[in-house]
Amino acid sequence: MKAETRMAIRVESRMEKDPQECTVFETVGCLRRRGGASSLSFTEEHGDGQKSLCTLSLDSGVPGVRVRRRGGIRCEMVFRPGEAHTSVYEIPPYRFDMTVRSHEIKASLCEEGGEILLRYEREIGGERDSVRFRLTATPLKEEDPHDGQ
């Protein structure tokens, strides 16, 4: 089993409000596995030109998903069945209280790829939204050094 695998990543995040907002993007990231834990890291680009490093972590011994963003947006969200998680959502220089309440969590990542599905309610600074998040990861083919020669 490889310790690191480069992945093609597709993210779809849909906020169920009026009007509905949907963000879809594709990028490349790195899946890291150590023991029973997996983490998938990639860079998100925001509409204002800012970037954030996003890391989604799974631990086989603990059900749920941890999402950590660093950079243009800073936050940490923990999704566990039936639990609420409160933290701080930062878009420097602004800071807001944020709470996420998990409704549905499906997560499976390995070197063959995988998917993370999250359905949750998010409250930031008193504004509440329902969110559906889907991430699909597919291993990138390793380039053959003899191709093109």
N, C-alpha and C. Protein backbone atom coordinates (compact mmCIF):
# COMPACT_ATOMS: atom_id res chain seq x y z
N MET A 1 0.84 -1.18 0.00
CA MET A 1 0.00 0.00 0.00
C MET A 1 0.88 1.25 0.00
N LYS A 2 0.58 2.19 -0.91
CA LYS A 2 1.34 3.43 -0.99
C LYS A 2 1.00 4.34 0.18
N ALA A 3 1.98 5.13 0.61
CA ALA A 3 1.73 6.10 1.67
C ALA A 3 1.05 7.34 1.10
N GLU A 4 1.35 7.67 -0.19
CA GLU A 4 0.75 8.83 -0.84
C GLU A 4 0.30 8.46 -2.24
N THR A 5 -0.87 8.98 -2.64
CA THR A 5 -1.40 8.75 -3.98
C THR A 5 -1.95 10.07 -4.50
N ARG A 6 -1.49 10.48 -5.69
CA ARG A 6 -2.05 11.69 -6.31
C ARG A 6 -3.45 11.38 -6.83
N MET A 7 -4.38 12.29 -6.58
CA MET A 7 -5.78 12.07 -6.93
C MET A 7 -6.35 13.22 -7.76
N ALA A 8 -7.19 12.86 -8.71
CA ALA A 8 -8.05 13.85 -9.38
C ALA A 8 -9.27 14.00 -8.49
N ILE A 9 -9.66 15.22 -8.20
CA ILE A 9 -10.73 15.49 -7.24
C ILE A 9 -11.82 16.33 -7.91
N ARG A 10 -13.06 15.93 -7.66
CA ARG A 10 -14.21 16.72 -8.10
C ARG A 10 -15.06 17.02 -6.88
N VAL A 11 -15.35 18.30 -6.66
CA VAL A 11 -16.13 18.73 -5.51
C VAL A 11 -17.40 19.40 -5.99
N GLU A 12 -18.52 19.02 -5.38
CA GLU A 12 -19.79 19.70 -5.61
C GLU A 12 -20.38 20.04 -4.25
N SER A 13 -20.62 21.33 -4.04
CA SER A 13 -21.19 21.79 -2.79
C SER A 13 -22.44 22.60 -3.12
N ARG A 14 -23.56 22.21 -2.55
CA ARG A 14 -24.85 22.84 -2.86
C ARG A 14 -25.49 23.34 -1.57
N MET A 15 -25.79 24.65 -1.54
CA MET A 15 -26.51 25.21 -0.39
C MET A 15 -27.98 25.29 -0.78
N GLU A 16 -28.80 24.64 0.05
CA GLU A 16 -30.24 24.55 -0.20
C GLU A 16 -30.95 25.77 0.37
N LYS A 17 -30.84 26.88 -0.34
CA LYS A 17 -31.54 28.09 0.09
C LYS A 17 -32.15 28.73 -1.14
N ASP A 18 -32.79 29.85 -0.95
CA ASP A 18 -33.45 30.51 -2.07
C ASP A 18 -32.74 31.83 -2.34
N PRO A 19 -32.03 32.03 -3.44
CA PRO A 19 -31.84 31.04 -4.50
C PRO A 19 -30.76 30.03 -4.11
N GLN A 20 -30.85 28.86 -4.70
CA GLN A 20 -29.92 27.79 -4.41
C GLN A 20 -28.54 28.14 -4.97
N GLU A 21 -27.49 27.85 -4.21
CA GLU A 21 -26.12 28.10 -4.66
C GLU A 21 -25.42 26.76 -4.84
N CYS A 22 -24.70 26.64 -5.95
CA CYS A 22 -23.96 25.40 -6.21
C CYS A 22 -22.56 25.75 -6.69
N THR A 23 -21.57 25.14 -6.08
CA THR A 23 -20.18 25.31 -6.49
C THR A 23 -19.65 23.96 -6.92
N VAL A 24 -19.08 23.90 -8.12
CA VAL A 24 -18.47 22.67 -8.62
C VAL A 24 -17.07 23.03 -9.11
N PHE A 25 -16.08 22.25 -8.71
CA PHE A 25 -14.73 22.46 -9.25
C PHE A 25 -13.96 21.15 -9.26
N GLU A 26 -12.93 21.13 -10.09
CA GLU A 26 -12.03 19.98 -10.19
C GLU A 26 -10.62 20.45 -9.92
N THR A 27 -9.85 19.59 -9.27
CA THR A 27 -8.48 19.93 -8.92
C THR A 27 -7.69 18.63 -8.74
N VAL A 28 -6.47 18.76 -8.33
CA VAL A 28 -5.60 17.61 -8.04
C VAL A 28 -5.17 17.71 -6.59
N GLY A 29 -5.12 16.57 -5.91
CA GLY A 29 -4.72 16.56 -4.51
C GLY A 29 -3.91 15.32 -4.18
N CYS A 30 -3.66 15.13 -2.90
CA CYS A 30 -2.84 14.03 -2.45
C CYS A 30 -3.54 13.29 -1.30
N LEU A 31 -3.70 11.99 -1.48
CA LEU A 31 -4.24 11.12 -0.44
C LEU A 31 -3.07 10.54 0.34
N ARG A 32 -3.12 10.70 1.65
CA ARG A 32 -2.08 10.14 2.52
C ARG A 32 -2.73 9.15 3.46
N ARG A 33 -2.07 8.00 3.62
CA ARG A 33 -2.59 6.96 4.53
C ARG A 33 -1.51 6.61 5.53
N ARG A 34 -1.93 6.55 6.79
CA ARG A 34 -1.02 6.14 7.85
C ARG A 34 -1.83 5.35 8.85
N GLY A 35 -1.50 4.08 9.02
CA GLY A 35 -2.27 3.22 9.91
C GLY A 35 -3.71 3.15 9.43
N GLY A 36 -4.66 3.40 10.30
CA GLY A 36 -6.06 3.37 9.93
C GLY A 36 -6.60 4.73 9.53
N ALA A 37 -5.72 5.75 9.41
CA ALA A 37 -6.18 7.10 9.09
C ALA A 37 -5.86 7.46 7.64
N SER A 38 -6.74 8.24 7.04
CA SER A 38 -6.55 8.76 5.68
C SER A 38 -6.80 10.25 5.69
N SER A 39 -6.03 10.98 4.88
CA SER A 39 -6.31 12.41 4.70
C SER A 39 -6.13 12.75 3.23
N LEU A 40 -6.98 13.63 2.75
CA LEU A 40 -6.95 14.07 1.36
C LEU A 40 -6.80 15.58 1.38
N SER A 41 -5.71 16.09 0.78
CA SER A 41 -5.44 17.53 0.78
C SER A 41 -5.44 18.06 -0.65
N PHE A 42 -5.99 19.28 -0.80
CA PHE A 42 -6.03 19.94 -2.11
C PHE A 42 -6.19 21.43 -1.89
N THR A 43 -5.93 22.20 -2.94
CA THR A 43 -6.07 23.66 -2.86
C THR A 43 -7.39 24.09 -3.47
N GLU A 44 -8.12 24.94 -2.72
CA GLU A 44 -9.36 25.54 -3.20
C GLU A 44 -9.06 26.98 -3.61
N GLU A 45 -9.63 27.40 -4.74
CA GLU A 45 -9.52 28.80 -5.14
C GLU A 45 -10.87 29.44 -4.93
N HIS A 46 -10.86 30.63 -4.33
CA HIS A 46 -12.10 31.34 -4.03
C HIS A 46 -12.31 32.45 -5.06
N GLY A 47 -13.53 32.92 -5.17
CA GLY A 47 -13.89 33.92 -6.17
C GLY A 47 -13.08 35.20 -6.09
N ASP A 48 -12.54 35.51 -4.93
CA ASP A 48 -11.78 36.75 -4.76
C ASP A 48 -10.29 36.58 -5.04
N GLY A 49 -9.89 35.42 -5.60
CA GLY A 49 -8.49 35.17 -5.90
C GLY A 49 -7.72 34.54 -4.75
N GLN A 50 -8.33 34.46 -3.57
CA GLN A 50 -7.68 33.82 -2.43
C GLN A 50 -7.65 32.31 -2.61
N LYS A 51 -6.71 31.65 -1.95
CA LYS A 51 -6.61 30.19 -1.97
C LYS A 51 -6.58 29.66 -0.55
N SER A 52 -7.09 28.44 -0.38
CA SER A 52 -7.04 27.76 0.91
C SER A 52 -6.60 26.33 0.69
N LEU A 53 -5.78 25.82 1.59
CA LEU A 53 -5.45 24.40 1.60
C LEU A 53 -6.54 23.70 2.39
N CYS A 54 -7.22 22.75 1.76
CA CYS A 54 -8.31 22.02 2.41
C CYS A 54 -7.85 20.58 2.65
N THR A 55 -8.01 20.09 3.87
CA THR A 55 -7.66 18.71 4.21
C THR A 55 -8.86 18.04 4.85
N LEU A 56 -9.29 16.92 4.26
CA LEU A 56 -10.37 16.10 4.81
C LEU A 56 -9.72 14.87 5.42
N SER A 57 -10.05 14.56 6.66
CA SER A 57 -9.42 13.45 7.36
C SER A 57 -10.45 12.43 7.83
N LEU A 58 -10.10 11.15 7.70
CA LEU A 58 -10.92 10.04 8.18
C LEU A 58 -10.04 9.17 9.07
N ASP A 59 -10.61 8.67 10.14
CA ASP A 59 -9.91 7.73 11.01
C ASP A 59 -10.79 6.51 11.15
N SER A 60 -10.26 5.33 10.81
CA SER A 60 -11.08 4.12 10.81
C SER A 60 -11.66 3.80 12.19
N GLY A 61 -11.03 4.29 13.26
CA GLY A 61 -11.52 4.00 14.60
C GLY A 61 -12.59 4.96 15.09
N VAL A 62 -12.77 6.09 14.38
CA VAL A 62 -13.73 7.11 14.80
C VAL A 62 -14.62 7.45 13.61
N PRO A 63 -15.94 7.24 13.72
CA PRO A 63 -16.81 7.56 12.59
C PRO A 63 -16.87 9.07 12.37
N GLY A 64 -16.84 9.47 11.11
CA GLY A 64 -16.98 10.87 10.79
C GLY A 64 -15.86 11.39 9.91
N VAL A 65 -15.92 12.69 9.65
CA VAL A 65 -14.97 13.38 8.77
C VAL A 65 -14.59 14.70 9.42
N ARG A 66 -13.30 15.03 9.35
CA ARG A 66 -12.81 16.33 9.83
C ARG A 66 -12.36 17.11 8.59
N VAL A 67 -12.82 18.36 8.48
CA VAL A 67 -12.44 19.23 7.37
C VAL A 67 -11.70 20.43 7.96
N ARG A 68 -10.51 20.67 7.44
CA ARG A 68 -9.70 21.80 7.93
C ARG A 68 -9.27 22.64 6.73
N ARG A 69 -9.50 23.96 6.83
CA ARG A 69 -9.07 24.89 5.78
C ARG A 69 -8.08 25.87 6.38
N ARG A 70 -7.02 26.16 5.62
CA ARG A 70 -6.01 27.12 6.03
C ARG A 70 -5.68 27.99 4.82
N GLY A 71 -5.58 29.30 5.03
CA GLY A 71 -5.26 30.22 3.95
C GLY A 71 -6.29 31.33 3.91
N GLY A 72 -6.86 31.60 2.70
CA GLY A 72 -7.84 32.66 2.53
C GLY A 72 -9.07 32.47 3.39
N ILE A 73 -9.46 31.24 3.62
CA ILE A 73 -10.52 30.89 4.57
C ILE A 73 -9.90 29.94 5.59
N ARG A 74 -10.21 30.17 6.86
CA ARG A 74 -9.68 29.31 7.92
C ARG A 74 -10.85 28.79 8.74
N CYS A 75 -10.93 27.48 8.84
CA CYS A 75 -11.96 26.89 9.68
C CYS A 75 -11.66 25.41 9.89
N GLU A 76 -12.35 24.85 10.85
CA GLU A 76 -12.30 23.42 11.09
C GLU A 76 -13.71 22.95 11.40
N MET A 77 -14.15 21.92 10.66
CA MET A 77 -15.49 21.36 10.87
C MET A 77 -15.34 19.88 11.13
N VAL A 78 -16.05 19.39 12.15
CA VAL A 78 -16.02 17.97 12.47
C VAL A 78 -17.44 17.44 12.27
N PHE A 79 -17.55 16.44 11.40
CA PHE A 79 -18.84 15.83 11.10
C PHE A 79 -18.88 14.45 11.72
N ARG A 80 -19.73 14.29 12.73
CA ARG A 80 -19.93 12.99 13.37
C ARG A 80 -21.43 12.75 13.45
N PRO A 81 -21.85 11.51 13.29
CA PRO A 81 -23.29 11.21 13.28
C PRO A 81 -24.01 11.77 14.51
N GLY A 82 -25.06 12.57 14.26
CA GLY A 82 -25.91 13.08 15.34
C GLY A 82 -25.29 14.14 16.22
N GLU A 83 -24.10 14.64 15.88
CA GLU A 83 -23.43 15.61 16.74
C GLU A 83 -23.36 16.99 16.09
N ALA A 84 -23.29 18.01 16.93
CA ALA A 84 -23.03 19.38 16.48
C ALA A 84 -21.59 19.73 16.84
N HIS A 85 -20.94 20.51 15.99
CA HIS A 85 -19.56 20.94 16.25
C HIS A 85 -19.50 22.45 16.07
N THR A 86 -18.97 23.15 17.08
CA THR A 86 -18.86 24.61 17.03
C THR A 86 -17.39 25.00 16.96
N SER A 87 -17.09 25.95 16.08
CA SER A 87 -15.73 26.43 15.91
C SER A 87 -15.78 27.86 15.39
N VAL A 88 -14.68 28.34 14.84
CA VAL A 88 -14.59 29.70 14.30
C VAL A 88 -14.35 29.61 12.80
N TYR A 89 -15.06 30.44 12.05
CA TYR A 89 -14.90 30.56 10.59
C TYR A 89 -14.24 31.91 10.35
N GLU A 90 -13.05 31.90 9.75
CA GLU A 90 -12.30 33.14 9.55
C GLU A 90 -12.09 33.43 8.07
N ILE A 91 -12.41 34.65 7.71
CA ILE A 91 -12.00 35.22 6.43
C ILE A 91 -11.26 36.49 6.86
N PRO A 92 -9.93 36.36 7.08
CA PRO A 92 -9.19 37.47 7.69
C PRO A 92 -9.52 38.80 7.01
N PRO A 93 -9.80 39.82 7.82
CA PRO A 93 -9.64 39.93 9.26
C PRO A 93 -10.90 39.58 10.05
N TYR A 94 -11.91 38.99 9.41
CA TYR A 94 -13.19 38.73 10.08
C TYR A 94 -13.24 37.33 10.69
N ARG A 95 -13.95 37.22 11.82
CA ARG A 95 -14.13 35.94 12.51
C ARG A 95 -15.61 35.79 12.87
N PHE A 96 -16.15 34.61 12.62
CA PHE A 96 -17.55 34.33 12.93
C PHE A 96 -17.63 33.00 13.68
N ASP A 97 -18.58 32.90 14.60
CA ASP A 97 -18.87 31.60 15.22
C ASP A 97 -19.56 30.73 14.17
N MET A 98 -19.22 29.45 14.15
CA MET A 98 -19.82 28.53 13.19
C MET A 98 -20.17 27.23 13.90
N THR A 99 -21.36 26.71 13.60
CA THR A 99 -21.79 25.41 14.11
C THR A 99 -22.26 24.57 12.94
N VAL A 100 -21.82 23.31 12.89
CA VAL A 100 -22.32 22.36 11.88
C VAL A 100 -23.01 21.22 12.61
N ARG A 101 -24.16 20.80 12.05
CA ARG A 101 -24.92 19.67 12.58
C ARG A 101 -25.05 18.65 11.47
N SER A 102 -24.50 17.47 11.68
CA SER A 102 -24.47 16.43 10.64
C SER A 102 -25.82 15.72 10.54
N HIS A 103 -26.28 15.52 9.31
CA HIS A 103 -27.49 14.75 9.06
C HIS A 103 -27.18 13.44 8.33
N GLU A 104 -26.17 13.47 7.45
CA GLU A 104 -25.78 12.27 6.70
C GLU A 104 -24.29 12.33 6.42
N ILE A 105 -23.62 11.20 6.66
CA ILE A 105 -22.17 11.11 6.43
C ILE A 105 -21.89 9.77 5.77
N LYS A 106 -21.27 9.81 4.61
CA LYS A 106 -20.78 8.60 3.96
C LYS A 106 -19.38 8.91 3.49
N ALA A 107 -18.42 8.10 3.89
CA ALA A 107 -17.03 8.39 3.55
C ALA A 107 -16.24 7.13 3.35
N SER A 108 -15.56 7.08 2.22
CA SER A 108 -14.68 5.96 1.92
C SER A 108 -13.57 6.47 1.01
N LEU A 109 -12.32 6.37 1.46
CA LEU A 109 -11.17 6.79 0.67
C LEU A 109 -10.08 5.74 0.76
N CYS A 110 -9.53 5.36 -0.37
CA CYS A 110 -8.38 4.46 -0.40
C CYS A 110 -7.58 4.79 -1.65
N GLU A 111 -6.47 4.10 -1.87
CA GLU A 111 -5.63 4.43 -3.02
C GLU A 111 -6.32 4.18 -4.36
N GLU A 112 -7.42 3.42 -4.35
CA GLU A 112 -8.21 3.23 -5.58
C GLU A 112 -9.21 4.36 -5.78
N GLY A 113 -9.28 5.31 -4.84
CA GLY A 113 -10.19 6.44 -4.94
C GLY A 113 -11.26 6.36 -3.87
N GLY A 114 -12.35 7.08 -4.10
CA GLY A 114 -13.44 7.04 -3.14
C GLY A 114 -14.31 8.26 -3.21
N GLU A 115 -15.18 8.37 -2.21
CA GLU A 115 -16.17 9.44 -2.20
C GLU A 115 -16.48 9.83 -0.76
N ILE A 116 -16.74 11.12 -0.59
CA ILE A 116 -17.22 11.64 0.69
C ILE A 116 -18.52 12.39 0.41
N LEU A 117 -19.58 11.99 1.10
CA LEU A 117 -20.88 12.64 0.99
C LEU A 117 -21.26 13.18 2.37
N LEU A 118 -21.57 14.46 2.44
CA LEU A 118 -21.98 15.08 3.69
C LEU A 118 -23.27 15.87 3.45
N ARG A 119 -24.23 15.69 4.33
CA ARG A 119 -25.44 16.52 4.34
C ARG A 119 -25.51 17.07 5.75
N TYR A 120 -25.50 18.41 5.84
CA TYR A 120 -25.43 19.03 7.15
C TYR A 120 -26.07 20.41 7.15
N GLU A 121 -26.31 20.90 8.35
CA GLU A 121 -26.81 22.25 8.55
C GLU A 121 -25.64 23.06 9.09
N ARG A 122 -25.46 24.25 8.54
CA ARG A 122 -24.35 25.12 8.94
C ARG A 122 -24.91 26.47 9.37
N GLU A 123 -24.46 26.94 10.52
CA GLU A 123 -24.86 28.26 10.99
C GLU A 123 -23.59 29.09 11.20
N ILE A 124 -23.52 30.21 10.46
CA ILE A 124 -22.37 31.11 10.57
C ILE A 124 -22.91 32.50 10.87
N GLY A 125 -22.46 33.06 12.00
CA GLY A 125 -22.88 34.41 12.36
C GLY A 125 -24.39 34.58 12.41
N GLY A 126 -25.12 33.54 12.82
CA GLY A 126 -26.56 33.61 12.94
C GLY A 126 -27.34 33.25 11.69
N GLU A 127 -26.65 33.05 10.55
CA GLU A 127 -27.33 32.66 9.31
C GLU A 127 -27.21 31.15 9.13
N ARG A 128 -28.35 30.49 8.90
CA ARG A 128 -28.38 29.03 8.82
C ARG A 128 -28.64 28.58 7.38
N ASP A 129 -27.88 27.56 6.93
CA ASP A 129 -28.03 26.98 5.60
C ASP A 129 -27.97 25.47 5.70
N SER A 130 -28.68 24.79 4.80
CA SER A 130 -28.53 23.34 4.64
C SER A 130 -27.57 23.12 3.49
N VAL A 131 -26.61 22.21 3.68
CA VAL A 131 -25.55 22.01 2.69
C VAL A 131 -25.48 20.54 2.32
N ARG A 132 -25.30 20.28 1.03
CA ARG A 132 -24.98 18.94 0.52
C ARG A 132 -23.62 19.04 -0.15
N PHE A 133 -22.69 18.21 0.32
CA PHE A 133 -21.31 18.23 -0.16
C PHE A 133 -20.95 16.85 -0.69
N ARG A 134 -20.36 16.81 -1.89
CA ARG A 134 -19.91 15.54 -2.46
C ARG A 134 -18.51 15.75 -3.04
N LEU A 135 -17.59 14.90 -2.60
CA LEU A 135 -16.24 14.89 -3.14
C LEU A 135 -15.98 13.50 -3.72
N THR A 136 -15.48 13.47 -4.95
CA THR A 136 -15.11 12.22 -5.59
C THR A 136 -13.61 12.27 -5.90
N ALA A 137 -12.88 11.23 -5.53
CA ALA A 137 -11.44 11.16 -5.76
C ALA A 137 -11.13 9.95 -6.63
N THR A 138 -10.31 10.18 -7.66
CA THR A 138 -9.90 9.12 -8.58
C THR A 138 -8.38 9.18 -8.71
N PRO A 139 -7.68 8.04 -8.60
CA PRO A 139 -6.22 8.10 -8.71
C PRO A 139 -5.79 8.58 -10.09
N LEU A 140 -4.76 9.41 -10.10
CA LEU A 140 -4.19 9.87 -11.37
C LEU A 140 -3.27 8.78 -11.90
N LYS A 141 -3.28 8.62 -13.18
CA LYS A 141 -2.36 7.66 -13.82
C LYS A 141 -0.95 8.23 -13.70
N GLU A 142 -0.02 7.38 -13.30
CA GLU A 142 1.37 7.83 -13.24
C GLU A 142 1.89 7.96 -14.65
N GLU A 143 2.62 9.06 -14.89
CA GLU A 143 3.15 9.29 -16.22
C GLU A 143 4.31 8.34 -16.48
N ASP A 144 4.30 7.77 -17.69
CA ASP A 144 5.38 6.88 -18.10
C ASP A 144 6.53 7.76 -18.61
N PRO A 145 7.72 7.65 -18.02
CA PRO A 145 8.84 8.51 -18.45
C PRO A 145 9.24 8.28 -19.90
N HIS A 146 8.79 7.16 -20.53
CA HIS A 146 9.13 6.86 -21.90
C HIS A 146 8.12 7.42 -22.89
N ASP A 147 6.96 7.90 -22.41
CA ASP A 147 5.96 8.49 -23.31
C ASP A 147 6.54 9.72 -23.98
N GLY A 148 6.24 9.85 -25.27
CA GLY A 148 6.67 11.03 -26.01
C GLY A 148 8.11 10.99 -26.46
N GLN A 149 8.80 9.87 -26.28
CA GLN A 149 10.21 9.80 -26.71
C GLN A 149 10.36 8.98 -27.96
